[in-house]
């Protein structure tokens, strides 16, 4: 790409502008998810886009460097406080739970939120539009199943096909620590066979090596220790209950030991919801649409004194929209127009906004091009839009207080008073 062409795009790379159809698609997905979430008793939360950086880094536990390079810092003039853009919803949900004294409400508290989340990534967009669910205040496994269930319901209503839940459990903190220790020992025995990049990752995060895309490492991972073997009897029971709920709901799942999520807060149920798509060459590809799981330890890491066991999920809305099976859901306020409004002359222009407002109040959607003056130019637009009727307000009609309703199919037309126009159009 030439330097000149690069300069033409003023948008920051990885943070694309969203307009028109994609904007409506995102809004439509949000309304569908919101409809389902509200029915199941979830409450809305608006999470601020700016958070305290120290608070966010605490969510990584003993290794804040895991996410320090992934967050976007915000410069604040004349202040020593370090701020960053919201990276994930879970810390924000827990802060809201405490700040709003939601622990005084009947437990658990079920919350949902939607909006942009920001990550400094080399492989993905820096801005992700997500729909997030969180249940705070319960360790019951039916809550884990409910989070998965609602995501599956939404994806299916959006046209989702070939959806599979990849699920795993690291158990409680003791189970997790024992597993990581054994996994590290396993990798050290095969250190010379690991990919060189994965050797560096192993020094700080053995769990990330499990998700490696390098072929030589994947061969080693195939025989890596199974985290389920390190679960206590109580943790095994919890995981078994979650799977039983999924069986009862008829949700397809696959136990996948590579689903580990690297943060110290992650515990017990961890999952990713993926769709399988056949590409042009006939090869099947996986696309992760939702990530989620339990983070019962998060409250403690954030120095929250209240007990706040939690489970949640995050759906990448833009990824869902990009799927070939995506079924468009227009926002409720976006209705197909009943007519195209045509105005001709100064007197007509003067009255046009008043007439359009009458139609809006009557909930009659119309399209208009108020900057155009030519009848022919406006008729061409009406033809392209495929509307069934045009409303014509010329100089004569403006003086008489009337409007011509023209049927675009048979070209018949009728003149009605401006006052009766909404009533007449409701019959069409």
Protein backbone atom coordinates (compact mmCIF):
# COMPACT_ATOMS: atom_id res chain seq x y z
CA UNK A 1 0.00 0.00 0.00
CA UNK A 2 1.39 3.41 -0.95
CA UNK A 3 2.15 6.06 1.69
CA UNK A 4 -0.51 8.32 0.17
CA UNK A 5 -3.22 5.67 0.54
CA UNK A 6 -2.23 5.10 4.16
CA UNK A 7 -2.73 8.78 4.88
CA UNK A 8 -6.24 8.72 3.43
CA UNK A 9 -7.54 6.57 6.31
CA UNK A 10 -7.62 8.70 9.46
CA UNK A 11 -8.97 5.88 11.67
CA UNK A 12 -6.51 4.31 14.13
CA UNK A 13 -5.53 0.83 12.93
CA UNK A 14 -7.43 -1.88 14.79
CA UNK A 15 -10.19 0.51 15.87
CA UNK A 16 -12.50 0.63 12.83
CA UNK A 17 -15.34 3.07 12.44
CA UNK A 18 -18.74 1.37 12.56
CA UNK A 19 -21.48 2.83 10.39
CA UNK A 20 -24.74 2.01 8.64
CA UNK A 21 -25.50 -1.70 8.26
CA UNK A 22 -22.80 -2.92 10.64
CA UNK A 23 -23.99 -0.46 13.28
CA UNK A 24 -27.58 -1.66 12.84
CA UNK A 25 -26.40 -5.28 12.98
CA UNK A 26 -24.59 -4.69 16.29
CA UNK A 27 -27.65 -2.91 17.67
CA UNK A 28 -29.90 -5.77 16.50
CA UNK A 29 -27.68 -8.38 18.19
CA UNK A 30 -27.67 -6.31 21.39
CA UNK A 31 -31.48 -6.11 21.40
CA UNK A 32 -31.80 -9.87 20.92
CA UNK A 33 -29.31 -10.63 23.71
CA UNK A 34 -30.93 -8.04 25.96
CA UNK A 35 -34.37 -9.54 25.35
CA UNK A 36 -33.16 -12.97 26.49
CA UNK A 37 -31.09 -11.62 29.42
CA UNK A 38 -33.96 -9.55 30.81
CA UNK A 39 -36.36 -12.50 30.56
CA UNK A 40 -33.98 -14.59 32.70
CA UNK A 41 -33.72 -11.82 35.32
CA UNK A 42 -30.45 -10.06 34.42
CA UNK A 43 -30.09 -6.37 35.30
CA UNK A 44 -28.42 -3.78 33.01
CA UNK A 45 -25.14 -2.10 33.92
CA UNK A 46 -23.28 0.60 32.02
CA UNK A 47 -19.57 -0.01 32.62
CA UNK A 48 -17.31 3.06 32.29
CA UNK A 49 -14.79 2.83 29.46
CA UNK A 50 -12.06 4.18 31.77
CA UNK A 51 -10.82 2.22 34.79
CA UNK A 52 -8.07 2.60 37.37
CA UNK A 53 -5.02 0.83 35.93
CA UNK A 54 -3.85 -0.56 39.30
CA UNK A 55 -7.30 -2.05 39.90
CA UNK A 56 -7.26 -3.81 36.50
CA UNK A 57 -3.71 -5.13 36.93
CA UNK A 58 -4.70 -6.73 40.26
CA UNK A 59 -7.05 -9.04 38.33
CA UNK A 60 -3.96 -10.81 36.92
CA UNK A 61 -2.87 -11.86 40.40
CA UNK A 62 0.84 -12.42 40.99
CA UNK A 63 1.73 -11.79 37.35
CA UNK A 64 0.32 -8.40 36.29
CA UNK A 65 2.75 -8.40 33.36
CA UNK A 66 0.39 -10.90 31.70
CA UNK A 67 -2.00 -8.08 30.88
CA UNK A 68 0.11 -4.93 31.39
CA UNK A 69 1.17 -4.99 27.72
CA UNK A 70 -2.41 -5.58 26.59
CA UNK A 71 -4.07 -2.56 28.16
CA UNK A 72 -4.42 0.91 26.69
CA UNK A 73 -3.16 3.60 29.06
CA UNK A 74 -4.98 6.93 29.30
CA UNK A 75 -2.96 10.08 29.86
CA UNK A 76 -4.49 12.34 32.47
CA UNK A 77 -3.16 15.91 32.69
CA UNK A 78 -2.13 17.22 36.10
CA UNK A 79 -2.75 13.91 37.89
CA UNK A 80 -0.58 11.04 39.08
CA UNK A 81 -3.47 8.55 38.91
CA UNK A 82 -2.92 5.93 36.20
CA UNK A 83 -5.96 5.12 34.10
CA UNK A 84 -6.63 2.67 31.29
CA UNK A 85 -9.39 1.76 28.86
CA UNK A 86 -11.73 -1.06 29.88
CA UNK A 87 -10.18 -4.38 28.77
CA UNK A 88 -12.73 -6.86 30.13
CA UNK A 89 -16.03 -6.58 31.94
CA UNK A 90 -15.50 -8.87 34.97
CA UNK A 91 -13.54 -6.40 37.18
CA UNK A 92 -16.07 -3.69 36.30
CA UNK A 93 -18.98 -5.91 37.27
CA UNK A 94 -17.42 -6.69 40.66
CA UNK A 95 -16.63 -3.01 41.29
CA UNK A 96 -20.29 -2.20 40.51
CA UNK A 97 -21.43 -5.03 42.81
CA UNK A 98 -19.50 -3.45 45.71
CA UNK A 99 -19.96 0.27 44.94
CA UNK A 100 -23.72 -0.10 44.47
CA UNK A 101 -24.02 -2.32 47.57
CA UNK A 102 -25.60 -5.07 45.49
CA UNK A 103 -24.53 -7.56 48.14
CA UNK A 104 -27.53 -6.26 50.10
CA UNK A 105 -29.87 -7.52 47.36
CA UNK A 106 -31.17 -11.10 47.18
CA UNK A 107 -28.32 -13.25 45.91
CA UNK A 108 -27.12 -13.98 43.33
CA UNK A 109 -27.13 -10.72 41.38
CA UNK A 110 -27.28 -11.24 37.61
CA UNK A 111 -25.93 -8.45 35.40
CA UNK A 112 -25.44 -7.71 31.72
CA UNK A 113 -23.59 -5.02 29.83
CA UNK A 114 -22.60 -4.21 26.27
CA UNK A 115 -20.04 -1.92 24.69
CA UNK A 116 -16.48 -1.56 23.41
CA UNK A 117 -13.60 -3.24 25.19
CA UNK A 118 -9.98 -2.43 24.36
CA UNK A 119 -6.90 -4.62 24.05
CA UNK A 120 -3.43 -3.93 22.69
CA UNK A 121 -3.25 -6.95 20.40
CA UNK A 122 -0.98 -7.80 17.46
CA UNK A 123 -3.40 -10.32 15.97
CA UNK A 124 -6.92 -8.96 16.61
CA UNK A 125 -8.78 -5.67 16.49
CA UNK A 126 -7.89 -3.36 19.34
CA UNK A 127 -11.56 -2.54 19.89
CA UNK A 128 -13.98 -5.40 20.55
CA UNK A 129 -17.73 -4.92 20.81
CA UNK A 130 -18.90 -7.44 23.34
CA UNK A 131 -22.00 -8.52 25.17
CA UNK A 132 -21.14 -9.53 28.71
CA UNK A 133 -23.02 -11.55 31.32
CA UNK A 134 -22.06 -11.90 34.97
CA UNK A 135 -23.63 -13.71 37.94
CA UNK A 136 -22.20 -12.65 41.31
CA UNK A 137 -22.92 -14.23 44.68
CA UNK A 138 -23.39 -17.94 44.00
CA UNK A 139 -21.19 -21.02 43.63
CA UNK A 140 -24.09 -23.15 42.38
CA UNK A 141 -23.24 -24.97 39.16
CA UNK A 142 -26.63 -24.14 37.64
CA UNK A 143 -25.30 -20.57 37.33
CA UNK A 144 -22.44 -21.81 35.13
CA UNK A 145 -24.95 -23.69 32.99
CA UNK A 146 -27.24 -20.64 32.79
CA UNK A 147 -24.44 -18.43 31.43
CA UNK A 148 -23.62 -21.01 28.74
CA UNK A 149 -27.31 -21.59 27.99
CA UNK A 150 -28.07 -17.91 27.38
CA UNK A 151 -25.13 -17.55 25.01
CA UNK A 152 -26.22 -20.63 23.06
CA UNK A 153 -29.83 -19.38 22.89
CA UNK A 154 -28.68 -16.04 21.50
CA UNK A 155 -26.38 -17.59 18.90
CA UNK A 156 -29.12 -19.97 17.74
CA UNK A 157 -31.65 -17.14 17.37
CA UNK A 158 -29.05 -15.24 15.34
CA UNK A 159 -28.81 -18.20 12.95
CA UNK A 160 -25.91 -20.02 14.61
CA UNK A 161 -24.99 -23.44 13.22
CA UNK A 162 -22.42 -26.09 14.18
CA UNK A 163 -22.02 -24.57 17.66
CA UNK A 164 -19.96 -26.52 20.20
CA UNK A 165 -18.98 -25.59 23.76
CA UNK A 166 -15.31 -26.37 24.50
CA UNK A 167 -15.20 -26.81 28.26
CA UNK A 168 -12.69 -27.61 30.98
CA UNK A 169 -12.12 -27.23 34.72
CA UNK A 170 -9.03 -26.28 36.69
CA UNK A 171 -10.83 -26.78 39.99
CA UNK A 172 -10.06 -24.60 43.00
CA UNK A 173 -6.77 -22.85 43.78
CA UNK A 174 -5.10 -25.99 45.15
CA UNK A 175 -6.10 -28.10 42.15
CA UNK A 176 -4.88 -25.38 39.81
CA UNK A 177 -1.51 -25.03 41.52
CA UNK A 178 -0.94 -28.79 41.55
CA UNK A 179 -1.79 -29.02 37.86
CA UNK A 180 0.46 -26.13 36.85
CA UNK A 181 3.34 -27.67 38.79
CA UNK A 182 2.91 -31.03 37.02
CA UNK A 183 2.46 -29.33 33.63
CA UNK A 184 5.69 -27.35 34.12
CA UNK A 185 7.58 -30.54 34.98
CA UNK A 186 6.19 -32.21 31.87
CA UNK A 187 7.32 -29.38 29.59
CA UNK A 188 10.80 -29.31 31.14
CA UNK A 189 11.22 -32.95 30.20
CA UNK A 190 10.48 -31.96 26.58
CA UNK A 191 12.15 -28.56 26.64
CA UNK A 192 14.38 -29.29 23.66
CA UNK A 193 11.41 -30.29 21.51
CA UNK A 194 9.32 -27.20 22.25
CA UNK A 195 9.12 -24.32 19.81
CA UNK A 196 11.65 -21.63 20.78
CA UNK A 197 8.95 -19.01 21.39
CA UNK A 198 7.05 -21.42 23.62
CA UNK A 199 10.21 -22.02 25.67
CA UNK A 200 10.20 -18.34 26.57
CA UNK A 201 6.49 -18.42 27.41
CA UNK A 202 7.04 -21.46 29.64
CA UNK A 203 9.22 -19.38 31.97
CA UNK A 204 6.25 -17.28 33.05
CA UNK A 205 3.06 -19.09 32.00
CA UNK A 206 2.90 -22.87 31.37
CA UNK A 207 -0.86 -22.66 30.72
CA UNK A 208 -0.29 -20.46 27.67
CA UNK A 209 1.94 -23.13 26.14
CA UNK A 210 -1.10 -25.41 26.10
CA UNK A 211 -2.78 -23.05 23.61
CA UNK A 212 0.23 -22.84 21.29
CA UNK A 213 -0.43 -22.89 17.54
CA UNK A 214 3.08 -24.17 16.77
CA UNK A 215 2.94 -27.68 15.32
CA UNK A 216 5.91 -29.08 17.29
CA UNK A 217 4.42 -27.84 20.55
CA UNK A 218 0.97 -29.14 19.66
CA UNK A 219 2.44 -32.64 19.28
CA UNK A 220 3.83 -32.38 22.80
CA UNK A 221 0.56 -30.93 24.13
CA UNK A 222 -1.34 -33.96 22.85
CA UNK A 223 0.25 -36.00 25.66
CA UNK A 224 0.32 -33.25 28.32
CA UNK A 225 -1.21 -33.95 31.75
CA UNK A 226 -4.99 -33.72 31.93
CA UNK A 227 -6.21 -31.05 34.39
CA UNK A 228 -9.26 -33.16 35.26
CA UNK A 229 -6.91 -35.72 36.83
CA UNK A 230 -5.87 -33.11 39.40
CA UNK A 231 -9.37 -32.17 40.54
CA UNK A 232 -10.40 -32.88 44.10
CA UNK A 233 -13.50 -35.02 44.63
CA UNK A 234 -15.58 -31.87 45.32
CA UNK A 235 -14.27 -30.11 42.18
CA UNK A 236 -14.95 -33.23 40.09
CA UNK A 237 -18.49 -33.27 41.43
CA UNK A 238 -19.00 -29.61 40.47
CA UNK A 239 -17.71 -30.12 36.94
CA UNK A 240 -19.82 -33.24 36.51
CA UNK A 241 -22.93 -31.27 37.52
CA UNK A 242 -22.22 -28.59 34.90
CA UNK A 243 -21.91 -31.26 32.19
CA UNK A 244 -25.15 -32.87 33.35
CA UNK A 245 -26.95 -29.55 32.95
CA UNK A 246 -25.57 -29.22 29.42
CA UNK A 247 -26.73 -32.76 28.62
CA UNK A 248 -30.21 -31.93 29.93
CA UNK A 249 -30.31 -28.79 27.75
CA UNK A 250 -29.14 -30.70 24.68
CA UNK A 251 -26.05 -28.49 24.32
CA UNK A 252 -23.20 -30.04 22.35
CA UNK A 253 -19.89 -29.86 24.21
CA UNK A 254 -16.35 -31.17 24.06
CA UNK A 255 -14.02 -31.48 27.05
CA UNK A 256 -10.88 -29.61 25.99
CA UNK A 257 -7.82 -29.46 28.26
CA UNK A 258 -6.42 -26.48 26.31
CA UNK A 259 -9.19 -24.23 27.68
CA UNK A 260 -7.28 -22.91 30.69
CA UNK A 261 -7.50 -19.08 30.64
CA UNK A 262 -4.23 -17.77 32.00
CA UNK A 263 -5.28 -15.45 34.85
CA UNK A 264 -4.99 -16.48 38.51
CA UNK A 265 -8.63 -15.54 39.09
CA UNK A 266 -9.90 -18.24 36.72
CA UNK A 267 -11.15 -21.38 38.46
CA UNK A 268 -13.52 -24.32 38.10
CA UNK A 269 -15.63 -24.12 34.89
CA UNK A 270 -13.88 -22.52 31.90
CA UNK A 271 -15.36 -22.53 28.41
CA UNK A 272 -15.27 -21.21 24.88
CA UNK A 273 -18.18 -21.39 22.46
CA UNK A 274 -17.05 -22.04 18.91
CA UNK A 275 -18.62 -22.43 15.52
CA UNK A 276 -17.23 -24.67 12.80
CA UNK A 277 -17.23 -23.23 9.27
CA UNK A 278 -16.18 -24.91 6.04
CA UNK A 279 -13.97 -22.59 3.98
CA UNK A 280 -13.67 -22.35 0.17
CA UNK A 281 -11.21 -25.25 -0.01
CA UNK A 282 -13.52 -27.51 2.01
CA UNK A 283 -11.37 -27.26 5.12
CA UNK A 284 -13.18 -26.84 8.44
CA UNK A 285 -12.17 -23.80 10.52
CA UNK A 286 -12.98 -22.94 14.12
CA UNK A 287 -14.13 -19.50 15.27
CA UNK A 288 -14.35 -18.61 18.96
CA UNK A 289 -17.40 -16.39 19.55
CA UNK A 290 -17.71 -16.51 23.34
CA UNK A 291 -15.25 -16.90 26.21
CA UNK A 292 -16.26 -17.37 29.81
CA UNK A 293 -16.00 -19.20 33.07
CA UNK A 294 -15.76 -18.93 36.83
CA UNK A 295 -13.50 -16.45 38.59
CA UNK A 296 -14.34 -17.00 42.25
CA UNK A 297 -10.87 -15.74 43.26
CA UNK A 298 -11.22 -12.39 41.45
CA UNK A 299 -12.80 -10.53 44.37
CA UNK A 300 -9.90 -11.48 46.65
CA UNK A 301 -7.31 -10.41 44.04
CA UNK A 302 -9.06 -7.05 43.76
CA UNK A 303 -8.87 -6.62 47.56
CA UNK A 304 -12.64 -6.83 47.87
CA UNK A 305 -13.47 -7.89 51.43
CA UNK A 306 -16.92 -9.23 50.60
CA UNK A 307 -17.32 -12.81 49.37
CA UNK A 308 -18.21 -12.52 45.69
CA UNK A 309 -18.00 -15.81 43.77
CA UNK A 310 -18.72 -15.08 40.13
CA UNK A 311 -19.18 -16.62 36.71
CA UNK A 312 -19.48 -14.73 33.46
CA UNK A 313 -18.98 -14.58 29.72
CA UNK A 314 -18.11 -12.23 26.89
CA UNK A 315 -19.47 -12.54 23.33
CA UNK A 316 -17.61 -10.87 20.45
CA UNK A 317 -20.51 -9.31 18.54
CA UNK A 318 -18.53 -8.38 15.42
CA UNK A 319 -17.28 -11.95 15.05
CA UNK A 320 -20.86 -13.21 15.25
CA UNK A 321 -21.98 -10.76 12.55
CA UNK A 322 -19.16 -11.92 10.26
CA UNK A 323 -20.30 -15.55 10.35
CA UNK A 324 -21.89 -16.83 7.08
CA UNK A 325 -24.90 -18.14 9.00
CA UNK A 326 -25.65 -14.79 10.69
CA UNK A 327 -29.35 -13.92 10.47
CA UNK A 328 -29.82 -10.17 10.45
CA UNK A 329 -31.95 -8.68 13.23
CA UNK A 330 -32.85 -5.07 12.56
CA UNK A 331 -33.16 -2.81 15.60
CA UNK A 332 -36.78 -2.36 16.66
CA UNK A 333 -36.70 1.32 15.70
CA UNK A 334 -35.40 0.54 12.20
CA UNK A 335 -38.58 -0.19 10.24
CA UNK A 336 -38.93 -0.44 6.45
CA UNK A 337 -40.32 2.84 5.07
CA UNK A 338 -43.94 2.99 3.97
CA UNK A 339 -43.38 5.91 1.61
CA UNK A 340 -40.95 8.41 0.13
CA UNK A 341 -41.68 12.08 0.84
CA UNK A 342 -41.17 14.44 -2.13
CA UNK A 343 -41.22 18.22 -1.77
CA UNK A 344 -41.12 20.73 -4.64
CA UNK A 345 -40.60 24.46 -4.24
CA UNK A 346 -39.96 26.90 -1.40
CA UNK A 347 -43.46 26.74 0.11
CA UNK A 348 -43.33 22.93 0.16
CA UNK A 349 -39.90 22.91 1.82
CA UNK A 350 -41.20 25.23 4.53
CA UNK A 351 -44.05 22.86 5.41
CA UNK A 352 -42.13 19.59 4.92
CA UNK A 353 -40.62 19.26 8.42
CA UNK A 354 -44.02 19.83 10.07
CA UNK A 355 -45.62 17.12 7.92
CA UNK A 356 -42.76 14.67 8.52
CA UNK A 357 -43.11 15.19 12.28
CA UNK A 358 -46.83 14.38 12.05
CA UNK A 359 -45.92 11.10 10.33
CA UNK A 360 -43.26 10.29 12.94
CA UNK A 361 -45.70 10.77 15.79
CA UNK A 362 -48.14 8.49 13.96
CA UNK A 363 -45.30 5.89 13.72
CA UNK A 364 -45.35 5.91 9.91
CA UNK A 365 -41.75 5.49 8.63
CA UNK A 366 -40.93 7.57 5.55
CA UNK A 367 -37.75 8.33 3.61
CA UNK A 368 -36.94 11.84 2.42
CA UNK A 369 -34.23 13.81 0.58
CA UNK A 370 -34.93 17.34 1.74
CA UNK A 371 -31.86 18.76 0.01
CA UNK A 372 -33.07 17.68 -3.46
CA UNK A 373 -35.25 20.03 -5.55
CA UNK A 374 -35.98 18.06 -8.72
CA UNK A 375 -39.08 15.84 -8.95
CA UNK A 376 -37.23 13.43 -11.25
CA UNK A 377 -34.24 13.12 -8.91
CA UNK A 378 -36.50 12.32 -5.96
CA UNK A 379 -38.55 9.80 -7.95
CA UNK A 380 -35.36 7.99 -8.98
CA UNK A 381 -34.43 7.57 -5.30
CA UNK A 382 -37.94 6.34 -4.50
CA UNK A 383 -37.73 3.74 -7.29
CA UNK A 384 -34.36 2.48 -6.02
CA UNK A 385 -35.68 2.12 -2.48
CA UNK A 386 -38.66 0.10 -3.71
CA UNK A 387 -41.23 1.98 -1.61
CA UNK A 388 -44.90 1.31 -2.42
CA UNK A 389 -46.02 4.96 -2.18
CA UNK A 390 -44.70 8.48 -2.62
CA UNK A 391 -46.05 11.54 -0.85
CA UNK A 392 -45.81 14.60 -3.09
CA UNK A 393 -46.00 18.13 -1.72
CA UNK A 394 -45.75 20.76 -4.45
CA UNK A 395 -46.31 24.53 -4.46
CA UNK A 396 -50.07 24.14 -5.12
CA UNK A 397 -50.51 21.47 -2.43
CA UNK A 398 -48.56 23.55 0.10
CA UNK A 399 -50.88 26.51 -0.41
CA UNK A 400 -54.00 24.31 -0.25
CA UNK A 401 -52.81 22.27 2.75
CA UNK A 402 -52.92 18.94 0.87
CA UNK A 403 -50.57 16.11 -0.14
CA UNK A 404 -50.69 13.76 -3.15
CA UNK A 405 -50.38 10.04 -2.31
CA UNK A 406 -49.09 8.16 -5.35
CA UNK A 407 -49.13 4.36 -5.68
CA UNK A 408 -45.77 3.41 -7.20
CA UNK A 409 -47.05 0.16 -8.66
CA UNK A 410 -50.13 1.26 -10.65
CA UNK A 411 -49.33 5.03 -10.69
CA UNK A 412 -52.76 5.91 -9.29
CA UNK A 413 -52.85 8.88 -6.96
CA UNK A 414 -55.08 10.55 -4.42
CA UNK A 415 -55.08 14.01 -2.85
CA UNK A 416 -55.73 14.26 0.89
CA UNK A 417 -55.52 17.04 3.47
CA UNK A 418 -52.37 17.29 5.56
CA UNK A 419 -54.41 16.60 8.73
CA UNK A 420 -55.79 13.34 7.31
CA UNK A 421 -52.47 12.15 5.82
CA UNK A 422 -51.40 10.00 8.83
CA UNK A 423 -54.82 8.29 8.98
CA UNK A 424 -54.74 7.61 5.24
CA UNK A 425 -51.20 6.20 5.34
CA UNK A 426 -52.06 3.83 8.19
CA UNK A 427 -54.51 2.15 5.85
CA UNK A 428 -51.78 1.45 3.28
